[in-house]
PDB file of N, CA and C in Angstrom:
ATOM      1  N   MET A   1     -42.177  78.735 -44.678  1.00  0.00           N
ATOM      2  CA  MET A   1     -42.431  78.478 -43.286  1.00  0.00           C
ATOM      3  C   MET A   1     -43.150  79.689 -42.698  1.00  0.00           C
ATOM      4  N   SER A   2     -44.052  79.431 -41.764  1.00  0.00           N
ATOM      5  CA  SER A   2     -44.848  80.518 -41.197  1.00  0.00           C
ATOM      6  C   SER A   2     -44.006  81.401 -40.274  1.00  0.00           C
ATOM      7  N   ALA A   3     -44.476  82.597 -40.077  1.00  0.00           N
ATOM      8  CA  ALA A   3     -43.781  83.546 -39.198  1.00  0.00           C
ATOM      9  C   ALA A   3     -43.732  83.012 -37.772  1.00  0.00           C
ATOM     10  N   ARG A   4     -44.776  82.296 -37.354  1.00  0.00           N
ATOM     11  CA  ARG A   4     -44.808  81.740 -36.001  1.00  0.00           C
ATOM     12  C   ARG A   4     -43.715  80.684 -35.815  1.00  0.00           C
ATOM     13  N   LEU A   5     -43.501  79.845 -36.821  1.00  0.00           N
ATOM     14  CA  LEU A   5     -42.447  78.828 -36.733  1.00  0.00           C
ATOM     15  C   LEU A   5     -41.063  79.468 -36.747  1.00  0.00           C
ATOM     16  N   GLU A   6     -40.895  80.494 -37.566  1.00  0.00           N
ATOM     17  CA  GLU A   6     -39.617  81.214 -37.576  1.00  0.00           C
ATOM     18  C   GLU A   6     -39.348  81.851 -36.217  1.00  0.00           C
ATOM     19  N   ARG A   7     -40.393  82.414 -35.608  1.00  0.00           N
ATOM     20  CA  ARG A   7     -40.251  83.011 -34.284  1.00  0.00           C
ATOM     21  C   ARG A   7     -39.905  81.933 -33.248  1.00  0.00           C
ATOM     22  N   GLU A   8     -40.505  80.762 -33.376  1.00  0.00           N
ATOM     23  CA  GLU A   8     -40.196  79.667 -32.448  1.00  0.00           C
ATOM     24  C   GLU A   8     -38.725  79.255 -32.579  1.00  0.00           C
ATOM     25  N   ILE A   9     -38.231  79.181 -33.808  1.00  0.00           N
ATOM     26  CA  ILE A   9     -36.821  78.842 -34.030  1.00  0.00           C
ATOM     27  C   ILE A   9     -35.915  79.926 -33.447  1.00  0.00           C
ATOM     28  N   ASP A  10     -36.282  81.183 -33.637  1.00  0.00           N
ATOM     29  CA  ASP A  10     -35.501  82.288 -33.059  1.00  0.00           C
ATOM     30  C   ASP A  10     -35.494  82.219 -31.533  1.00  0.00           C
ATOM     31  N   THR A  11     -36.645  81.906 -30.949  1.00  0.00           N
ATOM     32  CA  THR A  11     -36.753  81.810 -29.489  1.00  0.00           C
ATOM     33  C   THR A  11     -35.883  80.678 -28.959  1.00  0.00           C
ATOM     34  N   ILE A  12     -35.918  79.531 -29.613  1.00  0.00           N
ATOM     35  CA  ILE A  12     -35.082  78.400 -29.197  1.00  0.00           C
ATOM     36  C   ILE A  12     -33.608  78.793 -29.287  1.00  0.00           C
ATOM     37  N   GLY A  13     -33.252  79.487 -30.363  1.00  0.00           N
ATOM     38  CA  GLY A  13     -31.869  79.931 -30.526  1.00  0.00           C
ATOM     39  C   GLY A  13     -31.423  80.847 -29.393  1.00  0.00           C
ATOM     40  N   LEU A  14     -32.273  81.812 -29.025  1.00  0.00           N
ATOM     41  CA  LEU A  14     -31.942  82.715 -27.926  1.00  0.00           C
ATOM     42  C   LEU A  14     -31.811  81.966 -26.602  1.00  0.00           C
ATOM     43  N   MET A  15     -32.689  80.990 -26.394  1.00  0.00           N
ATOM     44  CA  MET A  15     -32.648  80.218 -25.150  1.00  0.00           C
ATOM     45  C   MET A  15     -31.357  79.397 -25.071  1.00  0.00           C
ATOM     46  N   ILE A  16     -30.965  78.794 -26.174  1.00  0.00           N
ATOM     47  CA  ILE A  16     -29.734  78.001 -26.193  1.00  0.00           C
ATOM     48  C   ILE A  16     -28.526  78.911 -26.012  1.00  0.00           C
ATOM     49  N   GLU A  17     -28.524  80.081 -26.647  1.00  0.00           N
ATOM     50  CA  GLU A  17     -27.421  81.030 -26.470  1.00  0.00           C
ATOM     51  C   GLU A  17     -27.291  81.458 -25.011  1.00  0.00           C
ATOM     52  N   MET A  18     -28.414  81.748 -24.370  1.00  0.00           N
ATOM     53  CA  MET A  18     -28.422  82.159 -22.971  1.00  0.00           C
ATOM     54  C   MET A  18     -27.852  81.039 -22.087  1.00  0.00           C
ATOM     55  N   PHE A  19     -28.304  79.819 -22.335  1.00  0.00           N
ATOM     56  CA  PHE A  19     -27.841  78.663 -21.581  1.00  0.00           C
ATOM     57  C   PHE A  19     -26.340  78.458 -21.771  1.00  0.00           C
ATOM     58  N   CYS A  20     -25.886  78.514 -22.999  1.00  0.00           N
ATOM     59  CA  CYS A  20     -24.473  78.274 -23.305  1.00  0.00           C
ATOM     60  C   CYS A  20     -23.587  79.339 -22.658  1.00  0.00           C
ATOM     61  N   ARG A  21     -23.990  80.576 -22.789  1.00  0.00           N
ATOM     62  CA  ARG A  21     -23.202  81.673 -22.201  1.00  0.00           C
ATOM     63  C   ARG A  21     -23.081  81.498 -20.681  1.00  0.00           C
ATOM     64  N   ASP A  22     -24.181  81.152 -20.025  1.00  0.00           N
ATOM     65  CA  ASP A  22     -24.190  81.065 -18.569  1.00  0.00           C
ATOM     66  C   ASP A  22     -23.636  79.749 -18.026  1.00  0.00           C
ATOM     67  N   HIS A  23     -23.684  78.679 -18.818  1.00  0.00           N
ATOM     68  CA  HIS A  23     -23.191  77.384 -18.345  1.00  0.00           C
ATOM     69  C   HIS A  23     -21.828  76.995 -18.908  1.00  0.00           C
ATOM     70  N   HIS A  24     -21.552  77.424 -20.119  1.00  0.00           N
ATOM     71  CA  HIS A  24     -20.305  77.028 -20.762  1.00  0.00           C
ATOM     72  C   HIS A  24     -19.324  78.193 -20.897  1.00  0.00           C
ATOM     73  N   GLY A  25     -19.723  79.382 -20.399  1.00  0.00           N
ATOM     74  CA  GLY A  25     -18.843  80.537 -20.368  1.00  0.00           C
ATOM     75  C   GLY A  25     -18.376  81.031 -21.717  1.00  0.00           C
ATOM     76  N   ARG A  26     -19.261  80.995 -22.704  1.00  0.00           N
ATOM     77  CA  ARG A  26     -18.871  81.401 -24.058  1.00  0.00           C
ATOM     78  C   ARG A  26     -19.781  82.496 -24.563  1.00  0.00           C
ATOM     79  N   ASP A  27     -19.225  83.334 -25.422  1.00  0.00           N
ATOM     80  CA  ASP A  27     -20.058  84.335 -26.088  1.00  0.00           C
ATOM     81  C   ASP A  27     -20.789  83.701 -27.260  1.00  0.00           C
ATOM     82  N   GLY A  28     -20.094  82.874 -28.028  1.00  0.00           N
ATOM     83  CA  GLY A  28     -20.719  82.136 -29.120  1.00  0.00           C
ATOM     84  C   GLY A  28     -21.138  80.767 -28.607  1.00  0.00           C
ATOM     85  N   LEU A  29     -21.731  79.973 -29.461  1.00  0.00           N
ATOM     86  CA  LEU A  29     -22.158  78.631 -29.049  1.00  0.00           C
ATOM     87  C   LEU A  29     -21.003  77.645 -29.090  1.00  0.00           C
ATOM     88  N   CYS A  30     -20.936  76.787 -28.077  1.00  0.00           N
ATOM     89  CA  CYS A  30     -19.969  75.693 -28.084  1.00  0.00           C
ATOM     90  C   CYS A  30     -20.496  74.607 -29.024  1.00  0.00           C
ATOM     91  N   SER A  31     -19.700  73.612 -29.305  1.00  0.00           N
ATOM     92  CA  SER A  31     -20.127  72.567 -30.248  1.00  0.00           C
ATOM     93  C   SER A  31     -21.338  71.794 -29.724  1.00  0.00           C
ATOM     94  N   PHE A  32     -21.410  71.590 -28.415  1.00  0.00           N
ATOM     95  CA  PHE A  32     -22.534  70.886 -27.785  1.00  0.00           C
ATOM     96  C   PHE A  32     -23.841  71.644 -28.049  1.00  0.00           C
ATOM     97  N   CYS A  33     -23.817  72.943 -27.824  1.00  0.00           N
ATOM     98  CA  CYS A  33     -25.016  73.769 -28.000  1.00  0.00           C
ATOM     99  C   CYS A  33     -25.316  74.028 -29.468  1.00  0.00           C
ATOM    100  N   ARG A  34     -24.289  74.138 -30.292  1.00  0.00           N
ATOM    101  CA  ARG A  34     -24.482  74.316 -31.735  1.00  0.00           C
ATOM    102  C   ARG A  34     -25.199  73.095 -32.317  1.00  0.00           C
ATOM    103  N   GLU A  35     -24.798  71.908 -31.866  1.00  0.00           N
ATOM    104  CA  GLU A  35     -25.442  70.678 -32.324  1.00  0.00           C
ATOM    105  C   GLU A  35     -26.912  70.645 -31.895  1.00  0.00           C
ATOM    106  N   LEU A  36     -27.192  71.048 -30.660  1.00  0.00           N
ATOM    107  CA  LEU A  36     -28.566  71.072 -30.165  1.00  0.00           C
ATOM    108  C   LEU A  36     -29.418  72.055 -30.967  1.00  0.00           C
ATOM    109  N   LEU A  37     -28.879  73.231 -31.257  1.00  0.00           N
ATOM    110  CA  LEU A  37     -29.619  74.225 -32.032  1.00  0.00           C
ATOM    111  C   LEU A  37     -29.912  73.721 -33.447  1.00  0.00           C
ATOM    112  N   ALA A  38     -28.944  73.107 -34.084  1.00  0.00           N
ATOM    113  CA  ALA A  38     -29.154  72.569 -35.429  1.00  0.00           C
ATOM    114  C   ALA A  38     -30.242  71.497 -35.408  1.00  0.00           C
ATOM    115  N   TYR A  39     -30.215  70.650 -34.395  1.00  0.00           N
ATOM    116  CA  TYR A  39     -31.216  69.589 -34.265  1.00  0.00           C
ATOM    117  C   TYR A  39     -32.610  70.191 -34.039  1.00  0.00           C
ATOM    118  N   ALA A  40     -32.699  71.178 -33.149  1.00  0.00           N
ATOM    119  CA  ALA A  40     -33.991  71.811 -32.853  1.00  0.00           C
ATOM    120  C   ALA A  40     -34.563  72.492 -34.097  1.00  0.00           C
ATOM    121  N   ARG A  41     -33.716  73.174 -34.847  1.00  0.00           N
ATOM    122  CA  ARG A  41     -34.168  73.815 -36.094  1.00  0.00           C
ATOM    123  C   ARG A  41     -34.695  72.773 -37.080  1.00  0.00           C
ATOM    124  N   LYS A  42     -33.945  71.694 -37.228  1.00  0.00           N
ATOM    125  CA  LYS A  42     -34.334  70.635 -38.169  1.00  0.00           C
ATOM    126  C   LYS A  42     -35.679  70.028 -37.772  1.00  0.00           C
ATOM    127  N   ARG A  43     -35.850  69.737 -36.495  1.00  0.00           N
ATOM    128  CA  ARG A  43     -37.094  69.113 -36.038  1.00  0.00           C
ATOM    129  C   ARG A  43     -38.273  70.080 -36.181  1.00  0.00           C
ATOM    130  N   THR A  44     -38.060  71.351 -35.894  1.00  0.00           N
ATOM    131  CA  THR A  44     -39.137  72.335 -36.009  1.00  0.00           C
ATOM    132  C   THR A  44     -39.549  72.492 -37.475  1.00  0.00           C
ATOM    133  N   ARG A  45     -38.577  72.583 -38.363  1.00  0.00           N
ATOM    134  CA  ARG A  45     -38.886  72.737 -39.792  1.00  0.00           C
ATOM    135  C   ARG A  45     -39.553  71.496 -40.376  1.00  0.00           C
ATOM    136  N   ALA A  46     -39.252  70.330 -39.812  1.00  0.00           N
ATOM    137  CA  ALA A  46     -39.807  69.076 -40.331  1.00  0.00           C
ATOM    138  C   ALA A  46     -41.113  68.678 -39.651  1.00  0.00           C
ATOM    139  N   CYS A  47     -41.615  69.503 -38.762  1.00  0.00           N
ATOM    140  CA  CYS A  47     -42.819  69.141 -38.007  1.00  0.00           C
ATOM    141  C   CYS A  47     -43.973  68.827 -38.947  1.00  0.00           C
ATOM    142  N   ARG A  48     -44.599  67.710 -38.708  1.00  0.00           N
ATOM    143  CA  ARG A  48     -45.706  67.281 -39.572  1.00  0.00           C
ATOM    144  C   ARG A  48     -46.943  68.148 -39.418  1.00  0.00           C
ATOM    145  N   PHE A  49     -47.020  68.940 -38.362  1.00  0.00           N
ATOM    146  CA  PHE A  49     -48.163  69.823 -38.171  1.00  0.00           C
ATOM    147  C   PHE A  49     -48.029  71.122 -38.960  1.00  0.00           C
ATOM    148  N   GLY A  50     -46.833  71.393 -39.475  1.00  0.00           N
ATOM    149  CA  GLY A  50     -46.619  72.580 -40.302  1.00  0.00           C
ATOM    150  C   GLY A  50     -47.000  73.856 -39.594  1.00  0.00           C
ATOM    151  N   LYS A  51     -47.760  74.705 -40.257  1.00  0.00           N
ATOM    152  CA  LYS A  51     -48.129  75.998 -39.673  1.00  0.00           C
ATOM    153  C   LYS A  51     -49.064  75.844 -38.475  1.00  0.00           C
ATOM    154  N   ASP A  52     -49.667  74.677 -38.303  1.00  0.00           N
ATOM    155  CA  ASP A  52     -50.550  74.419 -37.164  1.00  0.00           C
ATOM    156  C   ASP A  52     -49.810  73.801 -35.981  1.00  0.00           C
ATOM    157  N   LYS A  53     -48.486  73.798 -36.034  1.00  0.00           N
ATOM    158  CA  LYS A  53     -47.672  73.183 -35.002  1.00  0.00           C
ATOM    159  C   LYS A  53     -47.938  73.809 -33.632  1.00  0.00           C
ATOM    160  N   PRO A  54     -48.208  72.970 -32.629  1.00  0.00           N
ATOM    161  CA  PRO A  54     -48.310  73.498 -31.269  1.00  0.00           C
ATOM    162  C   PRO A  54     -46.899  73.660 -30.692  1.00  0.00           C
ATOM    163  N   VAL A  55     -46.780  74.297 -29.526  1.00  0.00           N
ATOM    164  CA  VAL A  55     -45.466  74.339 -28.885  1.00  0.00           C
ATOM    165  C   VAL A  55     -45.110  72.909 -28.515  1.00  0.00           C
ATOM    166  N   CYS A  56     -43.830  72.603 -28.477  1.00  0.00           N
ATOM    167  CA  CYS A  56     -43.377  71.223 -28.265  1.00  0.00           C
ATOM    168  C   CYS A  56     -43.915  70.609 -26.973  1.00  0.00           C
ATOM    169  N   SER A  57     -44.002  71.409 -25.919  1.00  0.00           N
ATOM    170  CA  SER A  57     -44.463  70.865 -24.641  1.00  0.00           C
ATOM    171  C   SER A  57     -45.927  70.423 -24.691  1.00  0.00           C
ATOM    172  N   ALA A  58     -46.690  70.926 -25.646  1.00  0.00           N
ATOM    173  CA  ALA A  58     -48.097  70.562 -25.775  1.00  0.00           C
ATOM    174  C   ALA A  58     -48.355  69.607 -26.933  1.00  0.00           C
ATOM    175  N   CYS A  59     -47.308  69.138 -27.582  1.00  0.00           N
ATOM    176  CA  CYS A  59     -47.465  68.303 -28.771  1.00  0.00           C
ATOM    177  C   CYS A  59     -47.685  66.833 -28.400  1.00  0.00           C
ATOM    178  N   PRO A  60     -48.601  66.153 -29.092  1.00  0.00           N
ATOM    179  CA  PRO A  60     -48.832  64.731 -28.817  1.00  0.00           C
ATOM    180  C   PRO A  60     -47.750  63.828 -29.432  1.00  0.00           C
ATOM    181  N   VAL A  61     -46.924  64.383 -30.311  1.00  0.00           N
ATOM    182  CA  VAL A  61     -45.883  63.617 -30.985  1.00  0.00           C
ATOM    183  C   VAL A  61     -44.528  64.007 -30.402  1.00  0.00           C
ATOM    184  N   HIS A  62     -43.759  63.028 -29.985  1.00  0.00           N
ATOM    185  CA  HIS A  62     -42.430  63.308 -29.460  1.00  0.00           C
ATOM    186  C   HIS A  62     -41.415  62.981 -30.547  1.00  0.00           C
ATOM    187  N   CYS A  63     -41.059  63.995 -31.325  1.00  0.00           N
ATOM    188  CA  CYS A  63     -40.193  63.767 -32.479  1.00  0.00           C
ATOM    189  C   CYS A  63     -38.706  63.894 -32.142  1.00  0.00           C
ATOM    190  N   TYR A  64     -38.375  64.398 -30.954  1.00  0.00           N
ATOM    191  CA  TYR A  64     -36.971  64.489 -30.551  1.00  0.00           C
ATOM    192  C   TYR A  64     -36.504  63.124 -30.052  1.00  0.00           C
ATOM    193  N   ARG A  65     -35.258  62.784 -30.376  1.00  0.00           N
ATOM    194  CA  ARG A  65     -34.653  61.594 -29.776  1.00  0.00           C
ATOM    195  C   ARG A  65     -34.585  61.820 -28.273  1.00  0.00           C
ATOM    196  N   PRO A  66     -34.695  60.777 -27.457  1.00  0.00           N
ATOM    197  CA  PRO A  66     -34.728  60.950 -26.000  1.00  0.00           C
ATOM    198  C   PRO A  66     -33.573  61.784 -25.435  1.00  0.00           C
ATOM    199  N   GLU A  67     -32.345  61.570 -25.910  1.00  0.00           N
ATOM    200  CA  GLU A  67     -31.218  62.326 -25.352  1.00  0.00           C
ATOM    201  C   GLU A  67     -31.292  63.810 -25.740  1.00  0.00           C
ATOM    202  N   MET A  68     -31.775  64.101 -26.944  1.00  0.00           N
ATOM    203  CA  MET A  68     -31.915  65.489 -27.371  1.00  0.00           C
ATOM    204  C   MET A  68     -33.087  66.156 -26.653  1.00  0.00           C
ATOM    205  N   ARG A  69     -34.098  65.382 -26.397  1.00  0.00           N
ATOM    206  CA  ARG A  69     -35.252  65.900 -25.666  1.00  0.00           C
ATOM    207  C   ARG A  69     -34.847  66.323 -24.257  1.00  0.00           C
ATOM    208  N   GLU A  70     -34.019  65.524 -23.622  1.00  0.00           N
ATOM    209  CA  GLU A  70     -33.549  65.860 -22.284  1.00  0.00           C
ATOM    210  C   GLU A  70     -32.656  67.100 -22.322  1.00  0.00           C
ATOM    211  N   ARG A  71     -31.822  67.211 -23.332  1.00  0.00           N
ATOM    212  CA  ARG A  71     -30.956  68.389 -23.462  1.00  0.00           C
ATOM    213  C   ARG A  71     -31.767  69.664 -23.659  1.00  0.00           C
ATOM    214  N   ILE A  72     -32.790  69.611 -24.506  1.00  0.00           N
ATOM    215  CA  ILE A  72     -33.589  70.820 -24.747  1.00  0.00           C
ATOM    216  C   ILE A  72     -34.419  71.157 -23.519  1.00  0.00           C
ATOM    217  N   ARG A  73     -34.857  70.155 -22.779  1.00  0.00           N
ATOM    218  CA  ARG A  73     -35.582  70.413 -21.526  1.00  0.00           C
ATOM    219  C   ARG A  73     -34.689  71.139 -20.525  1.00  0.00           C
ATOM    220  N   GLU A  74     -33.443  70.719 -20.434  1.00  0.00           N
ATOM    221  CA  GLU A  74     -32.494  71.365 -19.527  1.00  0.00           C
ATOM    222  C   GLU A  74     -32.323  72.839 -19.903  1.00  0.00           C
ATOM    223  N   VAL A  75     -32.187  73.098 -21.190  1.00  0.00           N
ATOM    224  CA  VAL A  75     -32.055  74.477 -21.674  1.00  0.00           C
ATOM    225  C   VAL A  75     -33.307  75.273 -21.338  1.00  0.00           C
ATOM    226  N   MET A  76     -34.469  74.706 -21.592  1.00  0.00           N
ATOM    227  CA  MET A  76     -35.719  75.422 -21.361  1.00  0.00           C
ATOM    228  C   MET A  76     -35.986  75.653 -19.876  1.00  0.00           C
ATOM    229  N   ARG A  77     -35.641  74.680 -19.048  1.00  0.00           N
ATOM    230  CA  ARG A  77     -35.814  74.865 -17.597  1.00  0.00           C
ATOM    231  C   ARG A  77     -34.974  76.034 -17.100  1.00  0.00           C
ATOM    232  N   TYR A  78     -33.781  76.176 -17.660  1.00  0.00           N
ATOM    233  CA  TYR A  78     -32.901  77.266 -17.250  1.00  0.00           C
ATOM    234  C   TYR A  78     -33.324  78.595 -17.889  1.00  0.00           C
ATOM    235  N   SER A  79     -33.473  78.588 -19.197  1.00  0.00           N
ATOM    236  CA  SER A  79     -33.675  79.832 -19.940  1.00  0.00           C
ATOM    237  C   SER A  79     -35.103  80.358 -19.892  1.00  0.00           C
ATOM    238  N   GLY A  80     -36.071  79.474 -19.769  1.00  0.00           N
ATOM    239  CA  GLY A  80     -37.474  79.895 -19.786  1.00  0.00           C
ATOM    240  C   GLY A  80     -37.798  81.014 -18.818  1.00  0.00           C
ATOM    241  N   PRO A  81     -37.508  80.836 -17.534  1.00  0.00           N
ATOM    242  CA  PRO A  81     -37.804  81.911 -16.577  1.00  0.00           C
ATOM    243  C   PRO A  81     -37.024  83.201 -16.849  1.00  0.00           C
ATOM    244  N   ARG A  82     -35.845  83.094 -17.421  1.00  0.00           N
ATOM    245  CA  ARG A  82     -35.016  84.268 -17.697  1.00  0.00           C
ATOM    246  C   ARG A  82     -35.467  85.023 -18.945  1.00  0.00           C
ATOM    247  N   MET A  83     -36.241  84.363 -19.793  1.00  0.00           N
ATOM    248  CA  MET A  83     -36.734  85.015 -21.011  1.00  0.00           C
ATOM    249  C   MET A  83     -37.640  86.196 -20.675  1.00  0.00           C
ATOM    250  N   ILE A  84     -38.354  86.104 -19.559  1.00  0.00           N
ATOM    251  CA  ILE A  84     -39.286  87.168 -19.193  1.00  0.00           C
ATOM    252  C   ILE A  84     -38.560  88.496 -18.995  1.00  0.00           C
ATOM    253  N   SER A  85     -37.375  88.445 -18.384  1.00  0.00           N
ATOM    254  CA  SER A  85     -36.650  89.702 -18.161  1.00  0.00           C
ATOM    255  C   SER A  85     -35.731  90.073 -19.328  1.00  0.00           C
ATOM    256  N   ARG A  86     -35.203  89.084 -20.044  1.00  0.00           N
ATOM    257  CA  ARG A  86     -34.246  89.374 -21.118  1.00  0.00           C
ATOM    258  C   ARG A  86     -34.892  89.586 -22.480  1.00  0.00           C
ATOM    259  N   HIS A  87     -35.969  88.879 -22.737  1.00  0.00           N
ATOM    260  CA  HIS A  87     -36.681  88.989 -24.024  1.00  0.00           C
ATOM    261  C   HIS A  87     -38.192  88.919 -23.752  1.00  0.00           C
ATOM    262  N   PRO A  88     -38.742  89.956 -23.097  1.00  0.00           N
ATOM    263  CA  PRO A  88     -40.146  89.889 -22.667  1.00  0.00           C
ATOM    264  C   PRO A  88     -41.160  89.718 -23.798  1.00  0.00           C
ATOM    265  N   VAL A  89     -40.919  90.334 -24.937  1.00  0.00           N
ATOM    266  CA  VAL A  89     -41.886  90.215 -26.040  1.00  0.00           C
ATOM    267  C   VAL A  89     -41.944  88.775 -26.542  1.00  0.00           C
ATOM    268  N   LEU A  90     -40.784  88.156 -26.753  1.00  0.00           N
ATOM    269  CA  LEU A  90     -40.771  86.758 -27.201  1.00  0.00           C
ATOM    270  C   LEU A  90     -41.380  85.839 -26.142  1.00  0.00           C
ATOM    271  N   ALA A  91     -41.119  86.123 -24.875  1.00  0.00           N
ATOM    272  CA  ALA A  91     -41.671  85.293 -23.800  1.00  0.00           C
ATOM    273  C   ALA A  91     -43.194  85.341 -23.809  1.00  0.00           C
ATOM    274  N   VAL A  92     -43.746  86.530 -23.945  1.00  0.00           N
ATOM    275  CA  VAL A  92     -45.210  86.667 -23.969  1.00  0.00           C
ATOM    276  C   VAL A  92     -45.786  86.015 -25.216  1.00  0.00           C
ATOM    277  N   ARG A  93     -45.138  86.199 -26.347  1.00  0.00           N
ATOM    278  CA  ARG A  93     -45.635  85.574 -27.585  1.00  0.00           C
ATOM    279  C   ARG A  93     -45.602  84.051 -27.480  1.00  0.00           C
ATOM    280  N   HIS A  94     -44.569  83.514 -26.815  1.00  0.00           N
ATOM    281  CA  HIS A  94     -44.501  82.065 -26.621  1.00  0.00           C
ATOM    282  C   HIS A  94     -45.656  81.592 -25.730  1.00  0.00           C
ATOM    283  N   LEU A  95     -45.952  82.353 -24.687  1.00  0.00           N
ATOM    284  CA  LEU A  95     -47.085  82.002 -23.825  1.00  0.00           C
ATOM    285  C   LEU A  95     -48.390  82.017 -24.625  1.00  0.00           C
ATOM    286  N   LEU A  96     -48.529  82.975 -25.507  1.00  0.00           N
ATOM    287  CA  LEU A  96     -49.721  83.013 -26.360  1.00  0.00           C
ATOM    288  C   LEU A  96     -49.743  81.838 -27.332  1.00  0.00           C
ATOM    289  N   ASP A  97     -48.588  81.463 -27.843  1.00  0.00           N
ATOM    290  CA  ASP A  97     -48.506  80.313 -28.755  1.00  0.00           C
ATOM    291  C   ASP A  97     -48.905  79.014 -28.060  1.00  0.00           C
ATOM    292  N   LYS A  98     -48.711  78.946 -26.752  1.00  0.00           N
ATOM    293  CA  LYS A  98     -49.098  77.739 -26.010  1.00  0.00           C
ATOM    294  C   LYS A  98     -50.597  77.483 -26.106  1.00  0.00           C
ATOM    295  N   ARG A  99     -51.345  78.518 -26.394  1.00  0.00           N
ATOM    296  CA  ARG A  99     -52.798  78.375 -26.524  1.00  0.00           C
ATOM    297  C   ARG A  99     -53.187  77.749 -27.853  1.00  0.00           C
ATOM    298  N   HIS A 100     -52.237  77.692 -28.795  1.00  0.00           N
ATOM    299  CA  HIS A 100     -52.485  77.120 -30.131  1.00  0.00           C
ATOM    300  C   HIS A 100     -52.671  75.608 -29.983  1.00  0.00           C
ATOM    301  N   LYS A 101     -53.799  75.103 -30.398  1.00  0.00           N
ATOM    302  CA  LYS A 101     -54.126  73.679 -30.238  1.00  0.00           C
ATOM    303  C   LYS A 101     -53.708  72.866 -31.458  1.00  0.00           C
ATOM    304  N   THR A 102     -53.406  71.592 -31.224  1.00  0.00           N
ATOM    305  CA  THR A 102     -53.094  70.654 -32.290  1.00  0.00           C
ATOM    306  C   THR A 102     -54.377  70.334 -33.044  1.00  0.00           C
ATOM    307  N   PRO A 103     -54.342  70.314 -34.374  1.00  0.00           N
ATOM    308  CA  PRO A 103     -55.538  69.936 -35.126  1.00  0.00           C
ATOM    309  C   PRO A 103     -55.991  68.537 -34.719  1.00  0.00           C
ATOM    310  N   PRO A 104     -57.270  68.343 -34.368  1.00  0.00           N
ATOM    311  CA  PRO A 104     -57.741  67.061 -33.846  1.00  0.00           C
ATOM    312  C   PRO A 104     -57.498  65.868 -34.762  1.00  0.00           C
ATOM    313  N   ARG A 105     -57.720  66.019 -36.055  1.00  0.00           N
ATOM    314  CA  ARG A 105     -57.564  64.855 -36.931  1.00  0.00           C
ATOM    315  C   ARG A 105     -56.114  64.394 -36.990  1.00  0.00           C
ATOM    316  N   LEU A 106     -55.154  65.326 -36.940  1.00  0.00           N
ATOM    317  CA  LEU A 106     -53.749  64.939 -36.932  1.00  0.00           C
ATOM    318  C   LEU A 106     -53.366  64.314 -35.602  1.00  0.00           C
ATOM    319  N   ALA A 107     -53.876  64.859 -34.525  1.00  0.00           N
ATOM    320  CA  ALA A 107     -53.540  64.339 -33.204  1.00  0.00           C
ATOM    321  C   ALA A 107     -54.023  62.903 -33.063  1.00  0.00           C
ATOM    322  N   LYS A 108     -55.223  62.604 -33.560  1.00  0.00           N
ATOM    323  CA  LYS A 108     -55.745  61.241 -33.472  1.00  0.00           C
ATOM    324  C   LYS A 108     -54.879  60.274 -34.263  1.00  0.00           C
ATOM    325  N   ARG A 109     -54.492  60.673 -35.470  1.00  0.00           N
ATOM    326  CA  ARG A 109     -53.660  59.812 -36.308  1.00  0.00           C
ATOM    327  C   ARG A 109     -52.319  59.558 -35.628  1.00  0.00           C
ATOM    328  N   GLU A 110     -51.749  60.597 -35.010  1.00  0.00           N
ATOM    329  CA  GLU A 110     -50.444  60.478 -34.373  1.00  0.00           C
ATOM    330  C   GLU A 110     -50.516  59.565 -33.149  1.00  0.00           C
ATOM    331  N   THR A 111     -51.572  59.679 -32.362  1.00  0.00           N
ATOM    332  CA  THR A 111     -51.656  58.876 -31.157  1.00  0.00           C
ATOM    333  C   THR A 111     -52.020  57.434 -31.467  1.00  0.00           C
ATOM    334  N   ALA A 112     -52.391  57.158 -32.693  1.00  0.00           N
ATOM    335  CA  ALA A 112     -52.701  55.782 -33.097  1.00  0.00           C
ATOM    336  C   ALA A 112     -51.441  54.979 -33.364  1.00  0.00           C
ATOM    337  N   GLY A 113     -50.282  55.585 -33.171  1.00  0.00           N
ATOM    338  CA  GLY A 113     -49.018  54.861 -33.326  1.00  0.00           C
ATOM    339  C   GLY A 113     -48.427  54.932 -34.712  1.00  0.00           C
ATOM    340  N   GLN A 114     -48.798  55.901 -35.506  1.00  0.00           N
ATOM    341  CA  GLN A 114     -48.288  55.999 -36.856  1.00  0.00           C
ATOM    342  C   GLN A 114     -47.153  57.014 -36.975  1.00  0.00           C
ATOM    343  N   THR A 115     -46.511  57.311 -35.851  1.00  0.00           N
ATOM    344  CA  THR A 115     -45.421  58.280 -35.897  1.00  0.00           C
ATOM    345  C   THR A 115     -44.127  57.599 -36.273  1.00  0.00           C
ATOM    346  N   LYS A 116     -43.208  58.399 -36.770  1.00  0.00           N
ATOM    347  CA  LYS A 116     -41.904  57.898 -37.181  1.00  0.00           C
ATOM    348  C   LYS A 116     -40.862  58.865 -36.650  1.00  0.00           C
ATOM    349  N   GLN A 117     -39.968  58.382 -35.781  1.00  0.00           N
ATOM    350  CA  GLN A 117     -38.946  59.249 -35.229  1.00  0.00           C
ATOM    351  C   GLN A 117     -37.714  59.238 -36.117  1.00  0.00           C
ATOM    352  N   SER A 118     -37.006  60.377 -36.116  1.00  0.00           N
ATOM    353  CA  SER A 118     -35.737  60.424 -36.857  1.00  0.00           C
ATOM    354  C   SER A 118     -34.670  60.958 -35.984  1.00  0.00           C
TER     355      SER A 118
END
């Protein structure tokens, strides 16, 4: 797996930890947040774009189940703005990663309805 994908997984983990600590009052992850982190890791590692994966918010393929997608959005809405002060280097790198575009040939195939959700 590419260093960028590993960094994305680390960033998601930090965001979920921040959310859990501030919302669920725990130092470690609760079962709800542990499940979300495991799901996010699995989906990131299984991304069909591989090393060319865009950030999820810019991806033409919605590979998260709707309920998990809403949960990760809640985490990101809360943790995203706080990343700038708590983890500034990762926050800036994530902003730079947003500039990474989806390969056109894959995006066309995906938008043609050939996606498969798990």
